[in-house]
Amino acid sequence: MLDRSKISAGLVVHRVWVPQHASDLRRPIAYVGERRRRVIGAALLALAVILAPAAMVVGAGFWFAFASLLIAWAGVGYAGGGRTGYYEVGADGTLGRYLGRSRPDLGSMRASGPCP
């Protein structure tokens, strides 16, 4: 399966899907994210959550509150960028071919924990 020692320290495996049947020749698929990007994205989102109500209370105007929405949007976009996405798991336990950010067909697979 997936070997944690063969994965970069900055990457976090969120979930792994394995084929349900032994006859299925598909490789396991892992959803991987970057820890640093998630932390920065969460910080930007928290900043936006604090700024939006503060702008309304102070009466700074609609545009200032709208700016906090843009900050939140940038934080979510940044957190989901970089090397985040779905990867095939190689036979030796490493991350194989990058499948992209959108969810591939996982219909005949079952989810397991991050690293079984």
PDB file of N, CA and C in Angstrom:
ATOM      1  N   MET A   1       0.852  -1.181   0.000  1.00  0.00           N
ATOM      2  CA  MET A   1       0.000   0.000   0.000  1.00  0.00           C
ATOM      3  C   MET A   1       0.893   1.238   0.000  1.00  0.00           C
ATOM      4  N   LEU A   2       0.493   2.265   0.663  1.00  0.00           N
ATOM      5  CA  LEU A   2       1.196   3.548   0.661  1.00  0.00           C
ATOM      6  C   LEU A   2       2.216   3.580   1.797  1.00  0.00           C
ATOM      7  N   ASP A   3       3.442   3.922   1.484  1.00  0.00           N
ATOM      8  CA  ASP A   3       4.523   3.971   2.460  1.00  0.00           C
ATOM      9  C   ASP A   3       4.799   5.429   2.831  1.00  0.00           C
ATOM     10  N   ARG A   4       4.535   5.803   4.089  1.00  0.00           N
ATOM     11  CA  ARG A   4       4.726   7.190   4.537  1.00  0.00           C
ATOM     12  C   ARG A   4       6.169   7.660   4.414  1.00  0.00           C
ATOM     13  N   SER A   5       7.112   6.761   4.577  1.00  0.00           N
ATOM     14  CA  SER A   5       8.520   7.164   4.520  1.00  0.00           C
ATOM     15  C   SER A   5       8.942   7.569   3.107  1.00  0.00           C
ATOM     16  N   LYS A   6       8.167   7.202   2.097  1.00  0.00           N
ATOM     17  CA  LYS A   6       8.505   7.524   0.718  1.00  0.00           C
ATOM     18  C   LYS A   6       7.742   8.737   0.191  1.00  0.00           C
ATOM     19  N   ILE A   7       7.029   9.438   1.092  1.00  0.00           N
ATOM     20  CA  ILE A   7       6.257  10.620   0.704  1.00  0.00           C
ATOM     21  C   ILE A   7       6.926  11.847   1.295  1.00  0.00           C
ATOM     22  N   SER A   8       6.961  12.914   0.531  1.00  0.00           N
ATOM     23  CA  SER A   8       7.568  14.165   0.973  1.00  0.00           C
ATOM     24  C   SER A   8       6.969  14.620   2.300  1.00  0.00           C
ATOM     25  N   ALA A   9       7.791  15.233   3.150  1.00  0.00           N
ATOM     26  CA  ALA A   9       7.348  15.661   4.480  1.00  0.00           C
ATOM     27  C   ALA A   9       6.268  16.732   4.425  1.00  0.00           C
ATOM     28  N   GLY A  10       6.206  17.525   3.371  1.00  0.00           N
ATOM     29  CA  GLY A  10       5.223  18.587   3.256  1.00  0.00           C
ATOM     30  C   GLY A  10       3.858  18.124   2.783  1.00  0.00           C
ATOM     31  N   LEU A  11       3.751  16.854   2.382  1.00  0.00           N
ATOM     32  CA  LEU A  11       2.491  16.327   1.872  1.00  0.00           C
ATOM     33  C   LEU A  11       1.749  15.538   2.946  1.00  0.00           C
ATOM     34  N   VAL A  12       0.433  15.616   2.902  1.00  0.00           N
ATOM     35  CA  VAL A  12      -0.417  14.885   3.838  1.00  0.00           C
ATOM     36  C   VAL A  12      -1.384  14.036   3.024  1.00  0.00           C
ATOM     37  N   VAL A  13      -1.451  12.749   3.329  1.00  0.00           N
ATOM     38  CA  VAL A  13      -2.392  11.858   2.664  1.00  0.00           C
ATOM     39  C   VAL A  13      -3.696  11.894   3.451  1.00  0.00           C
ATOM     40  N   HIS A  14      -4.763  12.346   2.799  1.00  0.00           N
ATOM     41  CA  HIS A  14      -6.052  12.478   3.474  1.00  0.00           C
ATOM     42  C   HIS A  14      -6.872  11.200   3.393  1.00  0.00           C
ATOM     43  N   ARG A  15      -6.819  10.517   2.272  1.00  0.00           N
ATOM     44  CA  ARG A  15      -7.612   9.306   2.111  1.00  0.00           C
ATOM     45  C   ARG A  15      -7.021   8.463   1.000  1.00  0.00           C
ATOM     46  N   VAL A  16      -7.193   7.148   1.127  1.00  0.00           N
ATOM     47  CA  VAL A  16      -6.736   6.203   0.114  1.00  0.00           C
ATOM     48  C   VAL A  16      -7.915   5.325  -0.273  1.00  0.00           C
ATOM     49  N   TRP A  17      -8.081   5.093  -1.565  1.00  0.00           N
ATOM     50  CA  TRP A  17      -9.116   4.187  -2.059  1.00  0.00           C
ATOM     51  C   TRP A  17      -8.426   2.983  -2.680  1.00  0.00           C
ATOM     52  N   VAL A  18      -8.923   1.795  -2.346  1.00  0.00           N
ATOM     53  CA  VAL A  18      -8.373   0.549  -2.870  1.00  0.00           C
ATOM     54  C   VAL A  18      -9.480  -0.194  -3.610  1.00  0.00           C
ATOM     55  N   PRO A  19      -9.119  -1.011  -4.620  1.00  0.00           N
ATOM     56  CA  PRO A  19     -10.142  -1.768  -5.349  1.00  0.00           C
ATOM     57  C   PRO A  19     -10.886  -2.722  -4.404  1.00  0.00           C
ATOM     58  N   GLN A  20     -12.198  -2.858  -4.626  1.00  0.00           N
ATOM     59  CA  GLN A  20     -13.002  -3.741  -3.777  1.00  0.00           C
ATOM     60  C   GLN A  20     -12.723  -5.211  -4.057  1.00  0.00           C
ATOM     61  N   HIS A  21     -12.451  -5.534  -5.303  1.00  0.00           N
ATOM     62  CA  HIS A  21     -12.263  -6.927  -5.697  1.00  0.00           C
ATOM     63  C   HIS A  21     -10.814  -7.169  -6.105  1.00  0.00           C
ATOM     64  N   ALA A  22     -10.323  -8.354  -5.789  1.00  0.00           N
ATOM     65  CA  ALA A  22      -8.938  -8.696  -6.132  1.00  0.00           C
ATOM     66  C   ALA A  22      -8.742  -8.773  -7.645  1.00  0.00           C
ATOM     67  N   SER A  23      -9.807  -9.031  -8.378  1.00  0.00           N
ATOM     68  CA  SER A  23      -9.696  -9.135  -9.840  1.00  0.00           C
ATOM     69  C   SER A  23      -9.563  -7.768 -10.517  1.00  0.00           C
ATOM     70  N   ASP A  24      -9.845  -6.695  -9.781  1.00  0.00           N
ATOM     71  CA  ASP A  24      -9.736  -5.337 -10.332  1.00  0.00           C
ATOM     72  C   ASP A  24      -8.254  -4.978 -10.450  1.00  0.00           C
ATOM     73  N   LEU A  25      -7.824  -4.622 -11.639  1.00  0.00           N
ATOM     74  CA  LEU A  25      -6.407  -4.344 -11.893  1.00  0.00           C
ATOM     75  C   LEU A  25      -6.021  -2.889 -11.665  1.00  0.00           C
ATOM     76  N   ARG A  26      -6.968  -2.067 -11.251  1.00  0.00           N
ATOM     77  CA  ARG A  26      -6.656  -0.648 -11.022  1.00  0.00           C
ATOM     78  C   ARG A  26      -5.736  -0.483  -9.819  1.00  0.00           C
ATOM     79  N   ARG A  27      -4.922   0.576  -9.867  1.00  0.00           N
ATOM     80  CA  ARG A  27      -4.031   0.893  -8.758  1.00  0.00           C
ATOM     81  C   ARG A  27      -4.829   1.614  -7.676  1.00  0.00           C
ATOM     82  N   PRO A  28      -4.413   1.523  -6.418  1.00  0.00           N
ATOM     83  CA  PRO A  28      -5.044   2.341  -5.371  1.00  0.00           C
ATOM     84  C   PRO A  28      -4.855   3.824  -5.689  1.00  0.00           C
ATOM     85  N   ILE A  29      -5.774   4.648  -5.207  1.00  0.00           N
ATOM     86  CA  ILE A  29      -5.737   6.085  -5.457  1.00  0.00           C
ATOM     87  C   ILE A  29      -5.691   6.813  -4.118  1.00  0.00           C
ATOM     88  N   ALA A  30      -4.825   7.814  -4.012  1.00  0.00           N
ATOM     89  CA  ALA A  30      -4.674   8.589  -2.779  1.00  0.00           C
ATOM     90  C   ALA A  30      -5.004  10.052  -3.051  1.00  0.00           C
ATOM     91  N   TYR A  31      -5.699  10.696  -2.083  1.00  0.00           N
ATOM     92  CA  TYR A  31      -5.913  12.137  -2.146  1.00  0.00           C
ATOM     93  C   TYR A  31      -4.887  12.784  -1.237  1.00  0.00           C
ATOM     94  N   VAL A  32      -4.070  13.664  -1.796  1.00  0.00           N
ATOM     95  CA  VAL A  32      -2.924  14.248  -1.104  1.00  0.00           C
ATOM     96  C   VAL A  32      -3.053  15.769  -1.100  1.00  0.00           C
ATOM     97  N   GLY A  33      -2.680  16.386   0.006  1.00  0.00           N
ATOM     98  CA  GLY A  33      -2.666  17.847   0.110  1.00  0.00           C
ATOM     99  C   GLY A  33      -1.356  18.321   0.694  1.00  0.00           C
ATOM    100  N   GLU A  34      -1.079  19.597   0.507  1.00  0.00           N
ATOM    101  CA  GLU A  34       0.133  20.198   1.069  1.00  0.00           C
ATOM    102  C   GLU A  34      -0.192  20.851   2.411  1.00  0.00           C
ATOM    103  N   ARG A  35       0.525  20.454   3.440  1.00  0.00           N
ATOM    104  CA  ARG A  35       0.281  20.960   4.792  1.00  0.00           C
ATOM    105  C   ARG A  35       0.459  22.484   4.865  1.00  0.00           C
ATOM    106  N   ARG A  36       1.513  22.997   4.310  1.00  0.00           N
ATOM    107  CA  ARG A  36       1.811  24.430   4.372  1.00  0.00           C
ATOM    108  C   ARG A  36       0.711  25.254   3.711  1.00  0.00           C
ATOM    109  N   ARG A  37       0.256  24.822   2.561  1.00  0.00           N
ATOM    110  CA  ARG A  37      -0.804  25.540   1.857  1.00  0.00           C
ATOM    111  C   ARG A  37      -2.107  25.507   2.643  1.00  0.00           C
ATOM    112  N   ARG A  38      -2.412  24.401   3.276  1.00  0.00           N
ATOM    113  CA  ARG A  38      -3.645  24.313   4.066  1.00  0.00           C
ATOM    114  C   ARG A  38      -3.611  25.261   5.256  1.00  0.00           C
ATOM    115  N   VAL A  39      -2.468  25.358   5.913  1.00  0.00           N
ATOM    116  CA  VAL A  39      -2.347  26.245   7.073  1.00  0.00           C
ATOM    117  C   VAL A  39      -2.485  27.710   6.649  1.00  0.00           C
ATOM    118  N   ILE A  40      -1.815  28.097   5.580  1.00  0.00           N
ATOM    119  CA  ILE A  40      -1.904  29.475   5.099  1.00  0.00           C
ATOM    120  C   ILE A  40      -3.321  29.788   4.622  1.00  0.00           C
ATOM    121  N   GLY A  41      -3.945  28.855   3.919  1.00  0.00           N
ATOM    122  CA  GLY A  41      -5.320  29.045   3.470  1.00  0.00           C
ATOM    123  C   GLY A  41      -6.288  29.192   4.629  1.00  0.00           C
ATOM    124  N   ALA A  42      -6.097  28.386   5.686  1.00  0.00           N
ATOM    125  CA  ALA A  42      -6.954  28.487   6.875  1.00  0.00           C
ATOM    126  C   ALA A  42      -6.743  29.824   7.584  1.00  0.00           C
ATOM    127  N   ALA A  43      -5.507  30.316   7.610  1.00  0.00           N
ATOM    128  CA  ALA A  43      -5.239  31.613   8.236  1.00  0.00           C
ATOM    129  C   ALA A  43      -5.922  32.746   7.467  1.00  0.00           C
ATOM    130  N   LEU A  44      -5.877  32.687   6.143  1.00  0.00           N
ATOM    131  CA  LEU A  44      -6.561  33.696   5.335  1.00  0.00           C
ATOM    132  C   LEU A  44      -8.073  33.631   5.525  1.00  0.00           C
ATOM    133  N   LEU A  45      -8.604  32.439   5.625  1.00  0.00           N
ATOM    134  CA  LEU A  45     -10.036  32.273   5.855  1.00  0.00           C
ATOM    135  C   LEU A  45     -10.437  32.817   7.219  1.00  0.00           C
ATOM    136  N   ALA A  46      -9.633  32.562   8.236  1.00  0.00           N
ATOM    137  CA  ALA A  46      -9.911  33.090   9.577  1.00  0.00           C
ATOM    138  C   ALA A  46      -9.840  34.623   9.587  1.00  0.00           C
ATOM    139  N   LEU A  47      -8.881  35.176   8.866  1.00  0.00           N
ATOM    140  CA  LEU A  47      -8.779  36.624   8.763  1.00  0.00           C
ATOM    141  C   LEU A  47     -10.034  37.212   8.127  1.00  0.00           C
ATOM    142  N   ALA A  48     -10.525  36.572   7.090  1.00  0.00           N
ATOM    143  CA  ALA A  48     -11.734  37.049   6.424  1.00  0.00           C
ATOM    144  C   ALA A  48     -12.952  36.950   7.331  1.00  0.00           C
ATOM    145  N   VAL A  49     -13.026  35.887   8.127  1.00  0.00           N
ATOM    146  CA  VAL A  49     -14.153  35.721   9.053  1.00  0.00           C
ATOM    147  C   VAL A  49     -14.134  36.802  10.132  1.00  0.00           C
ATOM    148  N   ILE A  50     -12.968  37.241  10.514  1.00  0.00           N
ATOM    149  CA  ILE A  50     -12.859  38.305  11.518  1.00  0.00           C
ATOM    150  C   ILE A  50     -13.134  39.681  10.896  1.00  0.00           C
ATOM    151  N   LEU A  51     -12.644  39.905   9.684  1.00  0.00           N
ATOM    152  CA  LEU A  51     -12.788  41.215   9.050  1.00  0.00           C
ATOM    153  C   LEU A  51     -14.209  41.538   8.603  1.00  0.00           C
ATOM    154  N   ALA A  52     -14.947  40.550   8.132  1.00  0.00           N
ATOM    155  CA  ALA A  52     -16.293  40.823   7.601  1.00  0.00           C
ATOM    156  C   ALA A  52     -17.232  41.390   8.665  1.00  0.00           C
ATOM    157  N   PRO A  53     -17.391  40.756   9.831  1.00  0.00           N
ATOM    158  CA  PRO A  53     -18.271  41.344  10.846  1.00  0.00           C
ATOM    159  C   PRO A  53     -17.718  42.660  11.397  1.00  0.00           C
ATOM    160  N   ALA A  54     -16.383  42.758  11.492  1.00  0.00           N
ATOM    161  CA  ALA A  54     -15.792  43.994  11.994  1.00  0.00           C
ATOM    162  C   ALA A  54     -16.104  45.154  11.049  1.00  0.00           C
ATOM    163  N   ALA A  55     -16.083  44.906   9.765  1.00  0.00           N
ATOM    164  CA  ALA A  55     -16.399  45.955   8.797  1.00  0.00           C
ATOM    165  C   ALA A  55     -17.846  46.404   8.923  1.00  0.00           C
ATOM    166  N   MET A  56     -18.741  45.475   9.190  1.00  0.00           N
ATOM    167  CA  MET A  56     -20.151  45.827   9.335  1.00  0.00           C
ATOM    168  C   MET A  56     -20.401  46.594  10.638  1.00  0.00           C
ATOM    169  N   VAL A  57     -19.739  46.168  11.714  1.00  0.00           N
ATOM    170  CA  VAL A  57     -19.923  46.834  13.009  1.00  0.00           C
ATOM    171  C   VAL A  57     -19.369  48.255  12.969  1.00  0.00           C
ATOM    172  N   VAL A  58     -18.218  48.425  12.396  1.00  0.00           N
ATOM    173  CA  VAL A  58     -17.583  49.738  12.332  1.00  0.00           C
ATOM    174  C   VAL A  58     -18.288  50.630  11.319  1.00  0.00           C
ATOM    175  N   GLY A  59     -18.966  50.033  10.387  1.00  0.00           N
ATOM    176  CA  GLY A  59     -19.643  50.808   9.361  1.00  0.00           C
ATOM    177  C   GLY A  59     -18.698  51.244   8.263  1.00  0.00           C
ATOM    178  N   ALA A  60     -17.706  50.403   7.980  1.00  0.00           N
ATOM    179  CA  ALA A  60     -16.698  50.739   6.984  1.00  0.00           C
ATOM    180  C   ALA A  60     -17.243  50.676   5.566  1.00  0.00           C
ATOM    181  N   GLY A  61     -18.379  50.089   5.406  1.00  0.00           N
ATOM    182  CA  GLY A  61     -18.984  50.058   4.087  1.00  0.00           C
ATOM    183  C   GLY A  61     -18.976  48.682   3.474  1.00  0.00           C
ATOM    184  N   PHE A  62     -19.779  48.568   2.451  1.00  0.00           N
ATOM    185  CA  PHE A  62     -19.954  47.295   1.761  1.00  0.00           C
ATOM    186  C   PHE A  62     -18.673  46.830   1.101  1.00  0.00           C
ATOM    187  N   TRP A  63     -17.904  47.729   0.519  1.00  0.00           N
ATOM    188  CA  TRP A  63     -16.719  47.341  -0.225  1.00  0.00           C
ATOM    189  C   TRP A  63     -15.645  46.729   0.666  1.00  0.00           C
ATOM    190  N   PHE A  64     -15.545  47.211   1.879  1.00  0.00           N
ATOM    191  CA  PHE A  64     -14.569  46.631   2.808  1.00  0.00           C
ATOM    192  C   PHE A  64     -14.986  45.209   3.196  1.00  0.00           C
ATOM    193  N   ALA A  65     -16.274  45.008   3.400  1.00  0.00           N
ATOM    194  CA  ALA A  65     -16.768  43.658   3.697  1.00  0.00           C
ATOM    195  C   ALA A  65     -16.588  42.750   2.477  1.00  0.00           C
ATOM    196  N   PHE A  66     -16.772  43.289   1.286  1.00  0.00           N
ATOM    197  CA  PHE A  66     -16.568  42.514   0.064  1.00  0.00           C
ATOM    198  C   PHE A  66     -15.100  42.113  -0.087  1.00  0.00           C
ATOM    199  N   ALA A  67     -14.202  42.965   0.353  1.00  0.00           N
ATOM    200  CA  ALA A  67     -12.769  42.635   0.299  1.00  0.00           C
ATOM    201  C   ALA A  67     -12.453  41.416   1.159  1.00  0.00           C
ATOM    202  N   SER A  68     -13.141  41.283   2.297  1.00  0.00           N
ATOM    203  CA  SER A  68     -12.914  40.104   3.136  1.00  0.00           C
ATOM    204  C   SER A  68     -13.405  38.836   2.433  1.00  0.00           C
ATOM    205  N   LEU A  69     -14.459  38.953   1.625  1.00  0.00           N
ATOM    206  CA  LEU A  69     -14.913  37.808   0.839  1.00  0.00           C
ATOM    207  C   LEU A  69     -13.851  37.410  -0.185  1.00  0.00           C
ATOM    208  N   LEU A  70     -13.203  38.386  -0.790  1.00  0.00           N
ATOM    209  CA  LEU A  70     -12.132  38.095  -1.731  1.00  0.00           C
ATOM    210  C   LEU A  70     -10.930  37.444  -1.044  1.00  0.00           C
ATOM    211  N   ILE A  71     -10.643  37.870   0.181  1.00  0.00           N
ATOM    212  CA  ILE A  71      -9.558  37.252   0.957  1.00  0.00           C
ATOM    213  C   ILE A  71      -9.880  35.790   1.233  1.00  0.00           C
ATOM    214  N   ALA A  72     -11.132  35.518   1.611  1.00  0.00           N
ATOM    215  CA  ALA A  72     -11.547  34.133   1.872  1.00  0.00           C
ATOM    216  C   ALA A  72     -11.435  33.294   0.604  1.00  0.00           C
ATOM    217  N   TRP A  73     -11.854  33.843  -0.505  1.00  0.00           N
ATOM    218  CA  TRP A  73     -11.788  33.138  -1.773  1.00  0.00           C
ATOM    219  C   TRP A  73     -10.336  32.826  -2.147  1.00  0.00           C
ATOM    220  N   ALA A  74      -9.455  33.784  -1.937  1.00  0.00           N
ATOM    221  CA  ALA A  74      -8.032  33.572  -2.212  1.00  0.00           C
ATOM    222  C   ALA A  74      -7.455  32.496  -1.299  1.00  0.00           C
ATOM    223  N   GLY A  75      -7.877  32.476  -0.036  1.00  0.00           N
ATOM    224  CA  GLY A  75      -7.393  31.462   0.905  1.00  0.00           C
ATOM    225  C   GLY A  75      -7.808  30.061   0.503  1.00  0.00           C
ATOM    226  N   VAL A  76      -9.049  29.911   0.082  1.00  0.00           N
ATOM    227  CA  VAL A  76      -9.530  28.595  -0.357  1.00  0.00           C
ATOM    228  C   VAL A  76      -8.804  28.164  -1.629  1.00  0.00           C
ATOM    229  N   GLY A  77      -8.612  29.087  -2.546  1.00  0.00           N
ATOM    230  CA  GLY A  77      -7.898  28.767  -3.776  1.00  0.00           C
ATOM    231  C   GLY A  77      -6.449  28.391  -3.528  1.00  0.00           C
ATOM    232  N   TYR A  78      -5.808  29.100  -2.615  1.00  0.00           N
ATOM    233  CA  TYR A  78      -4.412  28.803  -2.303  1.00  0.00           C
ATOM    234  C   TYR A  78      -4.276  27.454  -1.603  1.00  0.00           C
ATOM    235  N   ALA A  79      -5.201  27.161  -0.696  1.00  0.00           N
ATOM    236  CA  ALA A  79      -5.139  25.890   0.049  1.00  0.00           C
ATOM    237  C   ALA A  79      -5.303  24.689  -0.866  1.00  0.00           C
ATOM    238  N   GLY A  80      -6.076  24.826  -1.921  1.00  0.00           N
ATOM    239  CA  GLY A  80      -6.304  23.715  -2.834  1.00  0.00           C
ATOM    240  C   GLY A  80      -5.349  23.655  -3.996  1.00  0.00           C
ATOM    241  N   GLY A  81      -4.321  24.476  -4.003  1.00  0.00           N
ATOM    242  CA  GLY A  81      -3.383  24.522  -5.123  1.00  0.00           C
ATOM    243  C   GLY A  81      -2.139  23.694  -4.885  1.00  0.00           C
ATOM    244  N   GLY A  82      -1.139  23.962  -5.662  1.00  0.00           N
ATOM    245  CA  GLY A  82       0.141  23.262  -5.516  1.00  0.00           C
ATOM    246  C   GLY A  82       0.063  21.824  -5.973  1.00  0.00           C
ATOM    247  N   ARG A  83       0.582  20.937  -5.170  1.00  0.00           N
ATOM    248  CA  ARG A  83       0.599  19.515  -5.506  1.00  0.00           C
ATOM    249  C   ARG A  83      -0.621  18.778  -4.967  1.00  0.00           C
ATOM    250  N   THR A  84      -1.622  19.511  -4.500  1.00  0.00           N
ATOM    251  CA  THR A  84      -2.840  18.900  -3.986  1.00  0.00           C
ATOM    252  C   THR A  84      -3.583  18.203  -5.111  1.00  0.00           C
ATOM    253  N   GLY A  85      -4.066  17.012  -4.852  1.00  0.00           N
ATOM    254  CA  GLY A  85      -4.849  16.301  -5.859  1.00  0.00           C
ATOM    255  C   GLY A  85      -4.834  14.798  -5.634  1.00  0.00           C
ATOM    256  N   TYR A  86      -5.296  14.091  -6.646  1.00  0.00           N
ATOM    257  CA  TYR A  86      -5.404  12.634  -6.609  1.00  0.00           C
ATOM    258  C   TYR A  86      -4.210  12.018  -7.333  1.00  0.00           C
ATOM    259  N   TYR A  87      -3.641  10.974  -6.729  1.00  0.00           N
ATOM    260  CA  TYR A  87      -2.489  10.278  -7.282  1.00  0.00           C
ATOM    261  C   TYR A  87      -2.747   8.782  -7.260  1.00  0.00           C
ATOM    262  N   GLU A  88      -2.214   8.092  -8.257  1.00  0.00           N
ATOM    263  CA  GLU A  88      -2.183   6.636  -8.188  1.00  0.00           C
ATOM    264  C   GLU A  88      -1.065   6.256  -7.226  1.00  0.00           C
ATOM    265  N   VAL A  89      -1.258   5.167  -6.522  1.00  0.00           N
ATOM    266  CA  VAL A  89      -0.231   4.670  -5.607  1.00  0.00           C
ATOM    267  C   VAL A  89       0.575   3.614  -6.353  1.00  0.00           C
ATOM    268  N   GLY A  90       1.881   3.801  -6.396  1.00  0.00           N
ATOM    269  CA  GLY A  90       2.749   2.868  -7.100  1.00  0.00           C
ATOM    270  C   GLY A  90       2.872   1.541  -6.368  1.00  0.00           C
ATOM    271  N   ALA A  91       3.373   0.537  -7.058  1.00  0.00           N
ATOM    272  CA  ALA A  91       3.540  -0.799  -6.479  1.00  0.00           C
ATOM    273  C   ALA A  91       4.517  -0.786  -5.312  1.00  0.00           C
ATOM    274  N   ASP A  92       5.467   0.169  -5.325  1.00  0.00           N
ATOM    275  CA  ASP A  92       6.459   0.237  -4.254  1.00  0.00           C
ATOM    276  C   ASP A  92       6.023   1.138  -3.094  1.00  0.00           C
ATOM    277  N   GLY A  93       4.787   1.648  -3.121  1.00  0.00           N
ATOM    278  CA  GLY A  93       4.276   2.458  -2.023  1.00  0.00           C
ATOM    279  C   GLY A  93       4.479   3.948  -2.186  1.00  0.00           C
ATOM    280  N   THR A  94       4.987   4.376  -3.319  1.00  0.00           N
ATOM    281  CA  THR A  94       5.189   5.804  -3.569  1.00  0.00           C
ATOM    282  C   THR A  94       3.988   6.375  -4.323  1.00  0.00           C
ATOM    283  N   LEU A  95       3.944   7.699  -4.382  1.00  0.00           N
ATOM    284  CA  LEU A  95       2.912   8.341  -5.187  1.00  0.00           C
ATOM    285  C   LEU A  95       3.287   8.197  -6.649  1.00  0.00           C
ATOM    286  N   GLY A  96       2.354   7.715  -7.428  1.00  0.00           N
ATOM    287  CA  GLY A  96       2.613   7.499  -8.845  1.00  0.00           C
ATOM    288  C   GLY A  96       2.099   8.642  -9.699  1.00  0.00           C
ATOM    289  N   ARG A  97       1.364   8.301 -10.727  1.00  0.00           N
ATOM    290  CA  ARG A  97       0.868   9.265 -11.709  1.00  0.00           C
ATOM    291  C   ARG A  97      -0.138  10.212 -11.079  1.00  0.00           C
ATOM    292  N   TYR A  98      -0.001  11.503 -11.392  1.00  0.00           N
ATOM    293  CA  TYR A  98      -0.921  12.538 -10.917  1.00  0.00           C
ATOM    294  C   TYR A  98      -2.188  12.469 -11.757  1.00  0.00           C
ATOM    295  N   LEU A  99      -3.355  12.361 -11.092  1.00  0.00           N
ATOM    296  CA  LEU A  99      -4.631  12.227 -11.791  1.00  0.00           C
ATOM    297  C   LEU A  99      -5.386  13.549 -11.896  1.00  0.00           C
ATOM    298  N   GLY A 100      -4.956  14.560 -11.156  1.00  0.00           N
ATOM    299  CA  GLY A 100      -5.598  15.861 -11.213  1.00  0.00           C
ATOM    300  C   GLY A 100      -6.290  16.226  -9.910  1.00  0.00           C
ATOM    301  N   ARG A 101      -6.896  17.412  -9.895  1.00  0.00           N
ATOM    302  CA  ARG A 101      -7.564  17.899  -8.691  1.00  0.00           C
ATOM    303  C   ARG A 101      -9.004  17.435  -8.587  1.00  0.00           C
ATOM    304  N   SER A 102      -9.608  17.132  -9.719  1.00  0.00           N
ATOM    305  CA  SER A 102     -11.000  16.680  -9.676  1.00  0.00           C
ATOM    306  C   SER A 102     -11.044  15.183  -9.370  1.00  0.00           C
ATOM    307  N   ARG A 103     -12.085  14.792  -8.693  1.00  0.00           N
ATOM    308  CA  ARG A 103     -12.225  13.417  -8.218  1.00  0.00           C
ATOM    309  C   ARG A 103     -12.365  12.442  -9.388  1.00  0.00           C
ATOM    310  N   PRO A 104     -11.483  11.432  -9.459  1.00  0.00           N
ATOM    311  CA  PRO A 104     -11.611  10.428 -10.526  1.00  0.00           C
ATOM    312  C   PRO A 104     -12.748   9.460 -10.206  1.00  0.00           C
ATOM    313  N   ASP A 105     -13.027   8.546 -11.108  1.00  0.00           N
ATOM    314  CA  ASP A 105     -14.066   7.544 -10.886  1.00  0.00           C
ATOM    315  C   ASP A 105     -13.601   6.561  -9.809  1.00  0.00           C
ATOM    316  N   LEU A 106     -14.258   6.601  -8.672  1.00  0.00           N
ATOM    317  CA  LEU A 106     -13.909   5.733  -7.542  1.00  0.00           C
ATOM    318  C   LEU A 106     -15.036   4.756  -7.241  1.00  0.00           C
ATOM    319  N   GLY A 107     -15.892   4.512  -8.222  1.00  0.00           N
ATOM    320  CA  GLY A 107     -17.089   3.699  -8.025  1.00  0.00           C
ATOM    321  C   GLY A 107     -16.810   2.279  -7.557  1.00  0.00           C
ATOM    322  N   SER A 108     -15.826   1.607  -8.093  1.00  0.00           N
ATOM    323  CA  SER A 108     -15.556   0.219  -7.721  1.00  0.00           C
ATOM    324  C   SER A 108     -14.462   0.118  -6.660  1.00  0.00           C
ATOM    325  N   MET A 109     -14.256   1.207  -5.916  1.00  0.00           N
ATOM    326  CA  MET A 109     -13.201   1.208  -4.902  1.00  0.00           C
ATOM    327  C   MET A 109     -13.811   1.515  -3.541  1.00  0.00           C
ATOM    328  N   ARG A 110     -13.132   1.073  -2.500  1.00  0.00           N
ATOM    329  CA  ARG A 110     -13.584   1.377  -1.136  1.00  0.00           C
ATOM    330  C   ARG A 110     -12.557   2.266  -0.468  1.00  0.00           C
ATOM    331  N   ALA A 111     -13.060   3.171   0.332  1.00  0.00           N
ATOM    332  CA  ALA A 111     -12.182   4.111   1.040  1.00  0.00           C
ATOM    333  C   ALA A 111     -11.586   3.454   2.267  1.00  0.00           C
ATOM    334  N   SER A 112     -10.345   3.766   2.503  1.00  0.00           N
ATOM    335  CA  SER A 112      -9.696   3.331   3.734  1.00  0.00           C
ATOM    336  C   SER A 112      -9.101   4.577   4.373  1.00  0.00           C
ATOM    337  N   GLY A 113      -8.481   4.431   5.518  1.00  0.00           N
ATOM    338  CA  GLY A 113      -7.901   5.564   6.229  1.00  0.00           C
ATOM    339  C   GLY A 113      -6.772   6.189   5.440  1.00  0.00           C
ATOM    340  N   PRO A 114      -6.101   7.173   6.032  1.00  0.00           N
ATOM    341  CA  PRO A 114      -5.019   7.864   5.334  1.00  0.00           C
ATOM    342  C   PRO A 114      -3.902   6.939   4.881  1.00  0.00           C
ATOM    343  N   CYS A 115      -3.423   6.117   5.755  1.00  0.00           N
ATOM    344  CA  CYS A 115      -2.355   5.172   5.397  1.00  0.00           C
ATOM    345  C   CYS A 115      -2.602   3.877   6.142  1.00  0.00           C
ATOM    346  N   PRO A 116      -3.268   2.924   5.502  1.00  0.00           N
ATOM    347  CA  PRO A 116      -3.566   1.662   6.190  1.00  0.00           C
ATOM    348  C   PRO A 116      -2.331   0.863   6.475  1.00  0.00           C
TER     349      PRO A 116
END
